[in-house]
C-alpha atoms as a PDB file:
ATOM      1  CA  MET A   1      32.772  65.598  66.963  1.00  0.00           C
ATOM      2  CA  GLN A   2      30.255  63.192  68.370  1.00  0.00           C
ATOM      3  CA  GLN A   3      30.627  59.666  67.091  1.00  0.00           C
ATOM      4  CA  PRO A   4      27.499  58.175  65.567  1.00  0.00           C
ATOM      5  CA  GLN A   5      25.885  55.581  67.748  1.00  0.00           C
ATOM      6  CA  ARG A   6      26.104  51.995  66.570  1.00  0.00           C
ATOM      7  CA  VAL A   7      22.674  50.576  66.143  1.00  0.00           C
ATOM      8  CA  PRO A   8      22.650  46.944  67.130  1.00  0.00           C
ATOM      9  CA  ARG A   9      21.496  44.625  64.317  1.00  0.00           C
ATOM     10  CA  GLU A  10      18.501  42.578  65.073  1.00  0.00           C
ATOM     11  CA  ARG A  11      18.972  38.903  64.718  1.00  0.00           C
ATOM     12  CA  ARG A  12      17.295  37.401  61.631  1.00  0.00           C
ATOM     13  CA  THR A  13      14.578  34.950  62.402  1.00  0.00           C
ATOM     14  CA  GLN A  14      14.105  31.609  60.635  1.00  0.00           C
ATOM     15  CA  PHE A  15      11.311  33.100  58.548  1.00  0.00           C
ATOM     16  CA  GLU A  16      13.373  35.851  56.968  1.00  0.00           C
ATOM     17  CA  PRO A  17      15.032  35.357  53.607  1.00  0.00           C
ATOM     18  CA  LEU A  18      18.727  34.719  53.554  1.00  0.00           C
ATOM     19  CA  VAL A  19      21.281  37.382  52.633  1.00  0.00           C
ATOM     20  CA  ALA A  20      24.038  36.437  50.227  1.00  0.00           C
ATOM     21  CA  SER A  21      27.250  35.739  52.051  1.00  0.00           C
ATOM     22  CA  TRP A  22      29.425  37.230  49.350  1.00  0.00           C
ATOM     23  CA  ASP A  23      30.112  40.935  49.999  1.00  0.00           C
ATOM     24  CA  PRO A  24      31.371  42.870  46.959  1.00  0.00           C
ATOM     25  CA  HIS A  25      32.147  45.896  49.232  1.00  0.00           C
ATOM     26  CA  GLY A  26      34.661  44.024  51.330  1.00  0.00           C
ATOM     27  CA  GLU A  27      32.768  43.718  54.632  1.00  0.00           C
ATOM     28  CA  LYS A  28      34.363  41.425  57.227  1.00  0.00           C
ATOM     29  CA  PRO A  29      33.079  37.862  57.467  1.00  0.00           C
ATOM     30  CA  LYS A  30      31.323  36.688  60.580  1.00  0.00           C
ATOM     31  CA  ASP A  31      33.499  35.772  63.469  1.00  0.00           C
ATOM     32  CA  LYS A  32      34.277  32.189  64.329  1.00  0.00           C
ATOM     33  CA  ARG A  33      31.718  32.051  67.136  1.00  0.00           C
ATOM     34  CA  GLU A  34      28.849  33.007  64.819  1.00  0.00           C
ATOM     35  CA  ARG A  35      29.990  30.499  62.220  1.00  0.00           C
ATOM     36  CA  ARG A  36      30.118  27.761  64.843  1.00  0.00           C
ATOM     37  CA  GLU A  37      26.612  28.655  65.980  1.00  0.00           C
ATOM     38  CA  SER A  38      25.272  28.580  62.409  1.00  0.00           C
ATOM     39  CA  LYS A  39      26.681  25.110  61.925  1.00  0.00           C
ATOM     40  CA  LYS A  40      24.926  23.899  65.046  1.00  0.00           C
ATOM     41  CA  LYS A  41      21.441  24.931  63.814  1.00  0.00           C
ATOM     42  CA  THR A  42      19.116  22.030  63.083  1.00  0.00           C
ATOM     43  CA  GLY A  43      15.575  21.484  61.825  1.00  0.00           C
ATOM     44  CA  VAL A  44      14.020  24.083  59.590  1.00  0.00           C
ATOM     45  CA  ALA A  45      16.438  26.767  60.688  1.00  0.00           C
ATOM     46  CA  GLY A  46      19.376  24.534  59.865  1.00  0.00           C
ATOM     47  CA  ALA A  47      17.965  23.632  56.470  1.00  0.00           C
ATOM     48  CA  VAL A  48      17.344  27.277  55.688  1.00  0.00           C
ATOM     49  CA  ALA A  49      20.833  28.210  56.764  1.00  0.00           C
ATOM     50  CA  THR A  50      22.332  25.407  54.740  1.00  0.00           C
ATOM     51  CA  TYR A  51      20.236  25.343  51.543  1.00  0.00           C
ATOM     52  CA  GLY A  52      18.755  28.810  51.370  1.00  0.00           C
ATOM     53  CA  TRP A  53      15.939  29.437  48.846  1.00  0.00           C
ATOM     54  CA  ARG A  54      16.032  25.853  47.640  1.00  0.00           C
ATOM     55  CA  VAL A  55      14.217  24.827  50.809  1.00  0.00           C
ATOM     56  CA  TYR A  56      11.146  26.725  49.545  1.00  0.00           C
ATOM     57  CA  ALA A  57      11.467  25.495  45.938  1.00  0.00           C
ATOM     58  CA  LEU A  58      11.653  21.784  46.769  1.00  0.00           C
ATOM     59  CA  PRO A  59       8.079  21.401  48.113  1.00  0.00           C
ATOM     60  CA  VAL A  60       6.735  23.285  45.096  1.00  0.00           C
ATOM     61  CA  LEU A  61       8.483  20.879  42.715  1.00  0.00           C
ATOM     62  CA  VAL A  62       7.113  17.896  44.598  1.00  0.00           C
ATOM     63  CA  VAL A  63       3.561  19.231  44.358  1.00  0.00           C
ATOM     64  CA  LEU A  64       3.912  19.925  40.608  1.00  0.00           C
ATOM     65  CA  THR A  65       5.233  16.409  40.022  1.00  0.00           C
ATOM     66  CA  ILE A  66       2.277  14.856  41.839  1.00  0.00           C
ATOM     67  CA  LEU A  67      -0.182  16.974  39.866  1.00  0.00           C
ATOM     68  CA  ALA A  68       1.437  15.872  36.606  1.00  0.00           C
ATOM     69  CA  PHE A  69       0.953  12.170  37.455  1.00  0.00           C
ATOM     70  CA  VAL A  70      -2.625  12.757  38.562  1.00  0.00           C
ATOM     71  CA  ASP A  71      -3.405  14.572  35.309  1.00  0.00           C
ATOM     72  CA  PHE A  72      -1.875  11.736  33.250  1.00  0.00           C
ATOM     73  CA  GLY A  73      -3.889   9.111  35.082  1.00  0.00           C
ATOM     74  CA  THR A  74      -7.178  10.965  34.651  1.00  0.00           C
ATOM     75  CA  ALA A  75      -7.109  11.589  30.915  1.00  0.00           C
ATOM     76  CA  PRO A  76     -10.482  11.809  29.155  1.00  0.00           C
ATOM     77  CA  PRO A  77     -12.145   8.394  28.728  1.00  0.00           C
ATOM     78  CA  ASP A  78     -11.997   8.468  24.950  1.00  0.00           C
ATOM     79  CA  GLN A  79      -8.231   8.840  25.013  1.00  0.00           C
ATOM     80  CA  GLN A  80      -7.763   6.161  27.658  1.00  0.00           C
ATOM     81  CA  ALA A  81      -9.839   3.771  25.584  1.00  0.00           C
ATOM     82  CA  GLY A  82      -7.759   4.359  22.491  1.00  0.00           C
ATOM     83  CA  GLY A  83     -10.237   6.709  20.846  1.00  0.00           C
ATOM     84  CA  GLY A  84      -7.882   9.657  20.595  1.00  0.00           C
ATOM     85  CA  PRO A  85      -6.137  10.400  17.317  1.00  0.00           C
ATOM     86  CA  GLN A  86      -2.736   9.396  18.697  1.00  0.00           C
ATOM     87  CA  SER A  87      -3.766   6.681  21.136  1.00  0.00           C
ATOM     88  CA  SER A  88      -3.244   2.953  20.824  1.00  0.00           C
ATOM     89  CA  SER A  89      -3.610  -0.195  22.880  1.00  0.00           C
ATOM     90  CA  SER A  90      -2.217  -3.705  22.824  1.00  0.00           C
ATOM     91  CA  GLU A  91      -5.636  -5.042  21.816  1.00  0.00           C
ATOM     92  CA  ASP A  92      -6.086  -2.673  18.904  1.00  0.00           C
ATOM     93  CA  PRO A  93      -2.681  -1.813  17.404  1.00  0.00           C
ATOM     94  CA  PRO A  94      -2.463   0.997  14.846  1.00  0.00           C
ATOM     95  CA  GLU A  95      -2.968  -0.081  11.277  1.00  0.00           C
ATOM     96  CA  GLN A  96       0.279  -0.926   9.533  1.00  0.00           C
ATOM     97  CA  LEU A  97       0.928  -0.532   5.873  1.00  0.00           C
ATOM     98  CA  GLU A  98       1.470  -3.787   4.138  1.00  0.00           C
ATOM     99  CA  PRO A  99       5.063  -4.375   3.050  1.00  0.00           C
ATOM    100  CA  VAL A 100       5.937  -3.818  -0.576  1.00  0.00           C
ATOM    101  CA  VAL A 101       6.645  -7.052  -2.410  1.00  0.00           C
ATOM    102  CA  ALA A 102      10.247  -7.383  -3.525  1.00  0.00           C
ATOM    103  CA  GLU A 103      10.431  -7.147  -7.287  1.00  0.00           C
ATOM    104  CA  ALA A 104      13.217  -7.809  -9.719  1.00  0.00           C
ATOM    105  CA  PRO A 105      13.849  -5.077 -12.297  1.00  0.00           C
ATOM    106  CA  PRO A 106      11.800  -5.565 -15.499  1.00  0.00           C
ATOM    107  CA  GLY A 107      13.589  -7.846 -17.924  1.00  0.00           C
ATOM    108  CA  ARG A 108      15.841  -9.420 -15.282  1.00  0.00           C
ATOM    109  CA  ILE A 109      13.457 -11.752 -13.473  1.00  0.00           C
ATOM    110  CA  ASP A 110      15.313 -14.490 -11.614  1.00  0.00           C
ATOM    111  CA  VAL A 111      13.624 -17.867 -12.025  1.00  0.00           C
ATOM    112  CA  ASN A 112      13.899 -18.336  -8.268  1.00  0.00           C
ATOM    113  CA  ILE A 113      11.742 -15.277  -7.581  1.00  0.00           C
ATOM    114  CA  PRO A 114       8.042 -16.196  -7.295  1.00  0.00           C
ATOM    115  CA  SER A 115       7.045 -13.713  -9.989  1.00  0.00           C
ATOM    116  CA  ALA A 116       3.668 -15.411 -10.417  1.00  0.00           C
ATOM    117  CA  GLU A 117       2.654 -14.322  -6.920  1.00  0.00           C
ATOM    118  CA  LEU A 118      -0.041 -11.663  -6.749  1.00  0.00           C
ATOM    119  CA  PRO A 119       1.548  -8.432  -5.441  1.00  0.00           C
ATOM    120  CA  LYS A 120       0.442  -7.773  -1.874  1.00  0.00           C
ATOM    121  CA  ASN A 121       0.463  -4.008  -2.117  1.00  0.00           C
ATOM    122  CA  GLY A 122      -2.610  -2.401  -3.609  1.00  0.00           C
ATOM    123  CA  ASP A 123      -6.321  -1.877  -3.137  1.00  0.00           C
ATOM    124  CA  LYS A 124      -8.685  -4.378  -1.582  1.00  0.00           C
ATOM    125  CA  TYR A 125     -11.159  -6.132  -3.850  1.00  0.00           C
ATOM    126  CA  THR A 126     -14.248  -8.354  -3.748  1.00  0.00           C
ATOM    127  CA  GLU A 127     -13.116 -11.953  -3.291  1.00  0.00           C
ATOM    128  CA  THR A 128     -16.127 -13.939  -4.498  1.00  0.00           C
ATOM    129  CA  GLY A 129     -19.293 -13.466  -6.521  1.00  0.00           C
ATOM    130  CA  PRO A 130     -22.320 -15.368  -7.890  1.00  0.00           C
ATOM    131  CA  ASN A 131     -20.908 -15.955 -11.400  1.00  0.00           C
ATOM    132  CA  THR A 132     -23.630 -13.798 -12.943  1.00  0.00           C
ATOM    133  CA  PHE A 133     -22.895 -10.660 -14.927  1.00  0.00           C
ATOM    134  CA  THR A 134     -24.438  -7.365 -15.958  1.00  0.00           C
ATOM    135  CA  VAL A 135     -23.581  -5.683 -19.262  1.00  0.00           C
ATOM    136  CA  VAL A 136     -22.276  -2.134 -18.938  1.00  0.00           C
ATOM    137  CA  ARG A 137     -24.397   0.183 -21.030  1.00  0.00           C
ATOM    138  CA  GLY A 138     -22.748   1.935 -23.956  1.00  0.00           C
ATOM    139  CA  SER A 139     -21.361   1.232 -27.405  1.00  0.00           C
ATOM    140  CA  GLY A 140     -18.656   2.668 -29.593  1.00  0.00           C
ATOM    141  CA  PRO A 141     -17.512   3.106 -33.194  1.00  0.00           C
ATOM    142  CA  VAL A 142     -15.713   0.439 -35.164  1.00  0.00           C
ATOM    143  CA  ALA A 143     -11.966   0.422 -34.505  1.00  0.00           C
ATOM    144  CA  GLY A 144      -9.645  -0.656 -37.314  1.00  0.00           C
ATOM    145  CA  THR A 145      -9.512  -0.162 -41.060  1.00  0.00           C
ATOM    146  CA  ALA A 146     -10.012  -3.627 -42.548  1.00  0.00           C
ATOM    147  CA  GLY A 147     -10.853  -7.209 -41.763  1.00  0.00           C
ATOM    148  CA  ARG A 148     -13.655  -9.001 -39.999  1.00  0.00           C
ATOM    149  CA  ILE A 149     -15.625  -7.068 -37.378  1.00  0.00           C
ATOM    150  CA  TYR A 150     -15.772  -8.655 -33.941  1.00  0.00           C
ATOM    151  CA  ARG A 151     -18.370  -7.168 -31.630  1.00  0.00           C
ATOM    152  CA  TYR A 152     -17.990  -7.463 -27.887  1.00  0.00           C
ATOM    153  CA  THR A 153     -19.740  -6.483 -24.673  1.00  0.00           C
ATOM    154  CA  ILE A 154     -18.142  -5.345 -21.424  1.00  0.00           C
ATOM    155  CA  GLU A 155     -19.644  -6.910 -18.315  1.00  0.00           C
ATOM    156  CA  ILE A 156     -19.067  -6.913 -14.549  1.00  0.00           C
ATOM    157  CA  GLU A 157     -19.836  -9.730 -12.152  1.00  0.00           C
ATOM    158  CA  ASN A 158     -22.711  -8.933  -9.833  1.00  0.00           C
ATOM    159  CA  GLY A 159     -21.612  -8.167  -6.289  1.00  0.00           C
ATOM    160  CA  ILE A 160     -18.299  -6.536  -7.190  1.00  0.00           C
ATOM    161  CA  ASP A 161     -17.685  -3.237  -5.440  1.00  0.00           C
ATOM    162  CA  THR A 162     -16.992  -1.154  -8.534  1.00  0.00           C
ATOM    163  CA  ALA A 163     -15.460   1.660  -6.484  1.00  0.00           C
ATOM    164  CA  VAL A 164     -12.153  -0.197  -6.764  1.00  0.00           C
ATOM    165  CA  VAL A 165     -12.272   0.324 -10.561  1.00  0.00           C
ATOM    166  CA  ARG A 166     -13.697   3.858 -10.242  1.00  0.00           C
ATOM    167  CA  GLY A 167     -17.115   2.749 -11.396  1.00  0.00           C
ATOM    168  CA  GLU A 168     -18.384   0.474 -14.146  1.00  0.00           C
ATOM    169  CA  ASP A 169     -18.295   3.200 -16.810  1.00  0.00           C
ATOM    170  CA  SER A 170     -14.661   3.931 -16.054  1.00  0.00           C
ATOM    171  CA  PHE A 171     -13.750   0.246 -16.371  1.00  0.00           C
ATOM    172  CA  ALA A 172     -15.600  -0.004 -19.690  1.00  0.00           C
ATOM    173  CA  LYS A 173     -13.856   3.078 -21.088  1.00  0.00           C
ATOM    174  CA  VAL A 174     -10.442   1.694 -20.173  1.00  0.00           C
ATOM    175  CA  VAL A 175     -11.149  -1.612 -21.916  1.00  0.00           C
ATOM    176  CA  GLU A 176     -12.611   0.046 -25.024  1.00  0.00           C
ATOM    177  CA  GLY A 177      -9.704   2.473 -25.187  1.00  0.00           C
ATOM    178  CA  ILE A 178      -7.169  -0.361 -25.117  1.00  0.00           C
ATOM    179  CA  LEU A 179      -8.842  -2.352 -27.894  1.00  0.00           C
ATOM    180  CA  SER A 180      -9.372   0.762 -30.044  1.00  0.00           C
ATOM    181  CA  SER A 181      -5.657   1.585 -30.128  1.00  0.00           C
ATOM    182  CA  PRO A 182      -3.799   0.810 -33.383  1.00  0.00           C
ATOM    183  CA  LYS A 183      -1.160  -0.876 -31.200  1.00  0.00           C
ATOM    184  CA  SER A 184      -3.793  -3.445 -30.253  1.00  0.00           C
ATOM    185  CA  TRP A 185      -5.185  -6.197 -32.490  1.00  0.00           C
ATOM    186  CA  THR A 186      -6.717  -3.823 -35.046  1.00  0.00           C
ATOM    187  CA  GLY A 187      -3.267  -2.568 -36.043  1.00  0.00           C
ATOM    188  CA  ASN A 188      -2.512  -5.510 -38.323  1.00  0.00           C
ATOM    189  CA  GLY A 189      -5.245  -4.549 -40.821  1.00  0.00           C
ATOM    190  CA  LYS A 190      -6.978  -7.924 -40.450  1.00  0.00           C
ATOM    191  CA  ILE A 191      -9.290  -7.297 -37.500  1.00  0.00           C
ATOM    192  CA  ARG A 192     -11.862  -4.678 -36.585  1.00  0.00           C
ATOM    193  CA  LEU A 193     -13.466  -4.361 -33.162  1.00  0.00           C
ATOM    194  CA  GLN A 194     -16.622  -2.678 -31.892  1.00  0.00           C
ATOM    195  CA  ARG A 195     -18.059  -2.396 -28.417  1.00  0.00           C
ATOM    196  CA  VAL A 196     -21.823  -3.026 -28.139  1.00  0.00           C
ATOM    197  CA  ASP A 197     -24.348  -3.556 -25.354  1.00  0.00           C
ATOM    198  CA  THR A 198     -27.701  -5.286 -24.906  1.00  0.00           C
ATOM    199  CA  THR A 199     -29.346  -3.049 -27.517  1.00  0.00           C
ATOM    200  CA  SER A 200     -27.356  -4.828 -30.261  1.00  0.00           C
ATOM    201  CA  PRO A 201     -27.510  -8.424 -31.514  1.00  0.00           C
ATOM    202  CA  ALA A 202     -25.596 -11.124 -29.633  1.00  0.00           C
ATOM    203  CA  PRO A 203     -21.877 -10.247 -29.457  1.00  0.00           C
ATOM    204  CA  ASP A 204     -19.036 -12.374 -30.791  1.00  0.00           C
ATOM    205  CA  PHE A 205     -17.454 -12.427 -27.338  1.00  0.00           C
ATOM    206  CA  ARG A 206     -17.802 -10.914 -23.894  1.00  0.00           C
ATOM    207  CA  ILE A 207     -15.209  -9.289 -21.659  1.00  0.00           C
ATOM    208  CA  SER A 208     -16.174  -9.883 -18.050  1.00  0.00           C
ATOM    209  CA  LEU A 209     -14.572  -8.495 -14.911  1.00  0.00           C
ATOM    210  CA  THR A 210     -14.815 -11.319 -12.397  1.00  0.00           C
ATOM    211  CA  THR A 211     -13.880 -12.064  -8.804  1.00  0.00           C
ATOM    212  CA  PRO A 212     -10.917 -14.374  -8.170  1.00  0.00           C
ATOM    213  CA  GLY A 213     -13.262 -16.838  -6.483  1.00  0.00           C
ATOM    214  CA  THR A 214     -15.276 -17.199  -9.689  1.00  0.00           C
ATOM    215  CA  ALA A 215     -12.167 -17.302 -11.877  1.00  0.00           C
ATOM    216  CA  ARG A 216     -10.904 -20.315  -9.949  1.00  0.00           C
ATOM    217  CA  ARG A 217     -13.985 -22.391 -10.697  1.00  0.00           C
ATOM    218  CA  PRO A 218     -13.384 -25.496 -12.864  1.00  0.00           C
ATOM    219  CA  ASP A 219     -16.001 -24.312 -15.360  1.00  0.00           C
ATOM    220  CA  VAL A 220     -14.470 -20.825 -15.622  1.00  0.00           C
ATOM    221  CA  CYS A 221     -10.668 -20.480 -15.675  1.00  0.00           C
ATOM    222  CA  ASN A 222      -9.838 -23.485 -13.513  1.00  0.00           C
ATOM    223  CA  TYR A 223      -6.995 -23.317 -10.998  1.00  0.00           C
ATOM    224  CA  THR A 224      -4.546 -25.824 -12.434  1.00  0.00           C
ATOM    225  CA  ILE A 225      -1.647 -23.377 -12.041  1.00  0.00           C
ATOM    226  CA  GLN A 226      -2.448 -22.105  -8.562  1.00  0.00           C
ATOM    227  CA  TYR A 227      -1.839 -18.409  -9.054  1.00  0.00           C
ATOM    228  CA  GLU A 228      -4.379 -15.711  -9.826  1.00  0.00           C
ATOM    229  CA  ALA A 229      -5.025 -15.518 -13.558  1.00  0.00           C
ATOM    230  CA  SER A 230      -7.460 -14.325 -16.208  1.00  0.00           C
ATOM    231  CA  CYS A 231      -8.539 -16.564 -19.082  1.00  0.00           C
ATOM    232  CA  TRP A 232     -10.471 -17.067 -22.309  1.00  0.00           C
ATOM    233  CA  ASN A 233     -13.311 -19.588 -22.003  1.00  0.00           C
ATOM    234  CA  ARG A 234     -14.022 -20.711 -25.518  1.00  0.00           C
ATOM    235  CA  THR A 235     -17.136 -22.714 -24.678  1.00  0.00           C
ATOM    236  CA  GLN A 236     -18.739 -19.568 -23.236  1.00  0.00           C
ATOM    237  CA  ASP A 237     -17.225 -17.055 -25.695  1.00  0.00           C
ATOM    238  CA  ARG A 238     -16.165 -15.096 -22.638  1.00  0.00           C
ATOM    239  CA  VAL A 239     -12.931 -13.406 -21.592  1.00  0.00           C
ATOM    240  CA  TYR A 240     -12.653 -13.494 -17.806  1.00  0.00           C
ATOM    241  CA  ILE A 241     -10.561 -10.659 -16.353  1.00  0.00           C
ATOM    242  CA  ASN A 242      -9.517 -11.517 -12.808  1.00  0.00           C
ATOM    243  CA  LEU A 243     -10.334  -8.594 -10.506  1.00  0.00           C
ATOM    244  CA  ALA A 244      -7.398  -9.407  -8.232  1.00  0.00           C
ATOM    245  CA  ARG A 245      -4.957  -9.001 -11.129  1.00  0.00           C
ATOM    246  CA  TRP A 246      -6.761  -5.912 -12.442  1.00  0.00           C
ATOM    247  CA  VAL A 247      -6.285  -4.215  -9.079  1.00  0.00           C
ATOM    248  CA  ARG A 248      -2.836  -5.536  -8.104  1.00  0.00           C
ATOM    249  CA  GLY A 249      -1.109  -6.226 -11.430  1.00  0.00           C
ATOM    250  CA  ALA A 250       1.918  -8.521 -11.710  1.00  0.00           C
ATOM    251  CA  VAL A 251       5.460  -8.622 -10.372  1.00  0.00           C
ATOM    252  CA  ALA A 252       6.945  -8.299 -13.868  1.00  0.00           C
ATOM    253  CA  TYR A 253       5.191  -4.935 -14.346  1.00  0.00           C
ATOM    254  CA  GLY A 254       6.066  -3.573 -10.933  1.00  0.00           C
ATOM    255  CA  PRO A 255       4.227  -0.312 -10.198  1.00  0.00           C
ATOM    256  CA  HIS A 256       3.106   0.142 -13.831  1.00  0.00           C
ATOM    257  CA  ILE A 257      -0.430  -1.074 -13.193  1.00  0.00           C
ATOM    258  CA  ASP A 258      -1.938   0.634 -16.257  1.00  0.00           C
ATOM    259  CA  ASP A 259       0.527  -1.164 -18.521  1.00  0.00           C
ATOM    260  CA  TYR A 260      -0.427  -4.435 -16.889  1.00  0.00           C
ATOM    261  CA  LYS A 261      -4.135  -3.772 -17.482  1.00  0.00           C
ATOM    262  CA  THR A 262      -3.352  -3.137 -21.146  1.00  0.00           C
ATOM    263  CA  TYR A 263      -1.477  -6.425 -21.303  1.00  0.00           C
ATOM    264  CA  ALA A 264      -4.276  -8.382 -19.591  1.00  0.00           C
ATOM    265  CA  ILE A 265      -6.915  -7.204 -22.082  1.00  0.00           C
ATOM    266  CA  ASN A 266      -4.740  -7.677 -25.168  1.00  0.00           C
ATOM    267  CA  HIS A 267      -3.485 -11.098 -24.064  1.00  0.00           C
ATOM    268  CA  GLU A 268      -6.887 -12.619 -23.308  1.00  0.00           C
ATOM    269  CA  VAL A 269      -8.583 -11.065 -26.344  1.00  0.00           C
ATOM    270  CA  GLY A 270      -5.684 -12.454 -28.385  1.00  0.00           C
ATOM    271  CA  HIS A 271      -6.968 -15.948 -27.572  1.00  0.00           C
ATOM    272  CA  VAL A 272     -10.288 -15.000 -29.188  1.00  0.00           C
ATOM    273  CA  PHE A 273      -8.376 -14.806 -32.475  1.00  0.00           C
ATOM    274  CA  ASN A 274      -6.765 -18.242 -31.891  1.00  0.00           C
ATOM    275  CA  ASN A 275      -3.376 -16.977 -30.754  1.00  0.00           C
ATOM    276  CA  PRO A 276      -1.653 -19.545 -28.471  1.00  0.00           C
ATOM    277  CA  HIS A 277       0.767 -18.922 -25.627  1.00  0.00           C
ATOM    278  CA  ARG A 278       4.345 -18.110 -26.554  1.00  0.00           C
ATOM    279  CA  GLY A 279       7.662 -17.749 -24.801  1.00  0.00           C
ATOM    280  CA  CYS A 280      10.331 -15.068 -24.928  1.00  0.00           C
ATOM    281  CA  ASP A 281      11.816 -15.053 -28.444  1.00  0.00           C
ATOM    282  CA  THR A 282      14.871 -12.821 -28.036  1.00  0.00           C
ATOM    283  CA  GLU A 283      16.971 -12.388 -24.908  1.00  0.00           C
ATOM    284  CA  GLY A 284      16.388  -8.874 -23.572  1.00  0.00           C
ATOM    285  CA  GLY A 285      13.730  -8.117 -26.205  1.00  0.00           C
ATOM    286  CA  LEU A 286      10.083  -7.260 -25.749  1.00  0.00           C
ATOM    287  CA  ALA A 287       7.950 -10.149 -24.538  1.00  0.00           C
ATOM    288  CA  PRO A 288       5.279 -11.341 -26.992  1.00  0.00           C
ATOM    289  CA  VAL A 289       1.877 -10.188 -25.782  1.00  0.00           C
ATOM    290  CA  MET A 290       0.833 -13.859 -25.809  1.00  0.00           C
ATOM    291  CA  MET A 291       3.518 -14.739 -23.275  1.00  0.00           C
ATOM    292  CA  GLN A 292       2.054 -15.481 -19.824  1.00  0.00           C
ATOM    293  CA  GLN A 293       3.433 -12.275 -18.368  1.00  0.00           C
ATOM    294  CA  SER A 294       1.145 -12.440 -15.341  1.00  0.00           C
ATOM    295  CA  PHE A 295       3.420 -15.265 -14.225  1.00  0.00           C
ATOM    296  CA  GLY A 296       6.682 -13.707 -15.393  1.00  0.00           C
ATOM    297  CA  VAL A 297       8.869 -12.931 -18.381  1.00  0.00           C
ATOM    298  CA  ALA A 298      11.570 -15.565 -17.821  1.00  0.00           C
ATOM    299  CA  ASN A 299      11.109 -18.675 -19.981  1.00  0.00           C
ATOM    300  CA  ASN A 300      12.559 -21.069 -17.414  1.00  0.00           C
ATOM    301  CA  TYR A 301      10.148 -19.963 -14.714  1.00  0.00           C
ATOM    302  CA  VAL A 302       7.041 -19.879 -16.910  1.00  0.00           C
ATOM    303  CA  ALA A 303       7.912 -23.263 -18.424  1.00  0.00           C
ATOM    304  CA  GLN A 304       8.237 -24.714 -14.942  1.00  0.00           C
ATOM    305  CA  LEU A 305       4.754 -23.496 -13.982  1.00  0.00           C
ATOM    306  CA  ASN A 306       3.259 -24.839 -17.204  1.00  0.00           C
ATOM    307  CA  GLN A 307       4.246 -28.388 -16.295  1.00  0.00           C
ATOM    308  CA  ALA A 308       1.132 -28.451 -14.096  1.00  0.00           C
ATOM    309  CA  ASP A 309      -1.124 -27.616 -17.064  1.00  0.00           C
ATOM    310  CA  PRO A 310      -1.393 -30.304 -19.755  1.00  0.00           C
ATOM    311  CA  GLY A 311      -2.710 -27.790 -22.268  1.00  0.00           C
ATOM    312  CA  ASN A 312       0.348 -25.530 -21.899  1.00  0.00           C
ATOM    313  CA  LYS A 313       3.020 -28.062 -20.960  1.00  0.00           C
ATOM    314  CA  ASN A 314       5.045 -27.424 -24.124  1.00  0.00           C
ATOM    315  CA  ALA A 315       4.009 -23.810 -24.794  1.00  0.00           C
ATOM    316  CA  VAL A 316       7.276 -22.324 -23.512  1.00  0.00           C
ATOM    317  CA  LYS A 317      10.777 -23.782 -23.773  1.00  0.00           C
ATOM    318  CA  ALA A 318      13.059 -23.564 -20.759  1.00  0.00           C
ATOM    319  CA  ASP A 319      15.899 -22.029 -22.769  1.00  0.00           C
ATOM    320  CA  GLY A 320      17.020 -19.393 -20.238  1.00  0.00           C
ATOM    321  CA  LYS A 321      15.736 -16.388 -22.182  1.00  0.00           C
ATOM    322  CA  THR A 322      14.264 -13.421 -20.336  1.00  0.00           C
ATOM    323  CA  CYS A 323      12.289 -10.615 -21.978  1.00  0.00           C
ATOM    324  CA  LYS A 324      11.058  -7.165 -21.027  1.00  0.00           C
ATOM    325  CA  PRO A 325       7.355  -6.697 -20.234  1.00  0.00           C
ATOM    326  CA  ASN A 326       5.264  -5.637 -23.216  1.00  0.00           C
ATOM    327  CA  PRO A 327       1.495  -4.977 -23.226  1.00  0.00           C
ATOM    328  CA  TRP A 328       0.862  -4.579 -26.988  1.00  0.00           C
ATOM    329  CA  PRO A 329       0.464  -6.933 -29.966  1.00  0.00           C
ATOM    330  CA  ASN A 330       1.805  -4.206 -32.282  1.00  0.00           C
ATOM    331  CA  PRO A 331       4.135  -2.057 -30.136  1.00  0.00           C
END
């Protein structure tokens, strides 16, 4: 039987792909001479023999890396200039939220905490105005069952951006709603209140939303105690409601801004009826609405502040009592 002729294998050139050296069918490995020759190969052939397919992959990776850097460096101009939605620059850092002011729990105000400070978190507001006012149109029914009727107007200082109070009508409705509640001053059966506007005779008093710059004026609320405050100006028959406090509230009320607004109206209107400032009566009890709760509900702290105001120097005793915030005359 004729033996099949052995066909000599052509030598692989440097451009041919490598063949795996592992032979699952048990073929013999190359002889020592061939292995010695393969070790002696240099240049491209040697690299191919040594690293196989990785020789072809490496240049591709290098090219892709270069393209990535080029693409990063040629971003659209609006993104490079910080105009993209996620871009920023050292000259124009992204807007940061203001930190929340640390607040003691209601009723446990430490006298060392500056509870008279205006809270920093909250909406922006108009800082100054011309000290002239416009009456908000609208009137309402008489609130209360007995006693003298006090008529009042609701006014806003010219120049105030009323968007911060959701419009002048919204502000007026809030104020009228507070004073019409039986928990307000009409609940004692001695006072009745009615909102009027310019279509009615001159009011008994005016409630005026004012900028903090105007409130600080010597002829308005003065600034003897140098914290933002509202006031009752008896010579003008006008209650000044400080816009800064209306928007930001007070530390003692924490996030309960609506409760603070209720307090601010009831407290200042209480002065219209000759009610003076008071301190906390009972430890842990509800603060009298005539306590200066914008400054705090701890007697020691409020008494300390009042030392700067001759008219209120003895209004509160520093007896260590601390109350809970309370916005109503008749809770």
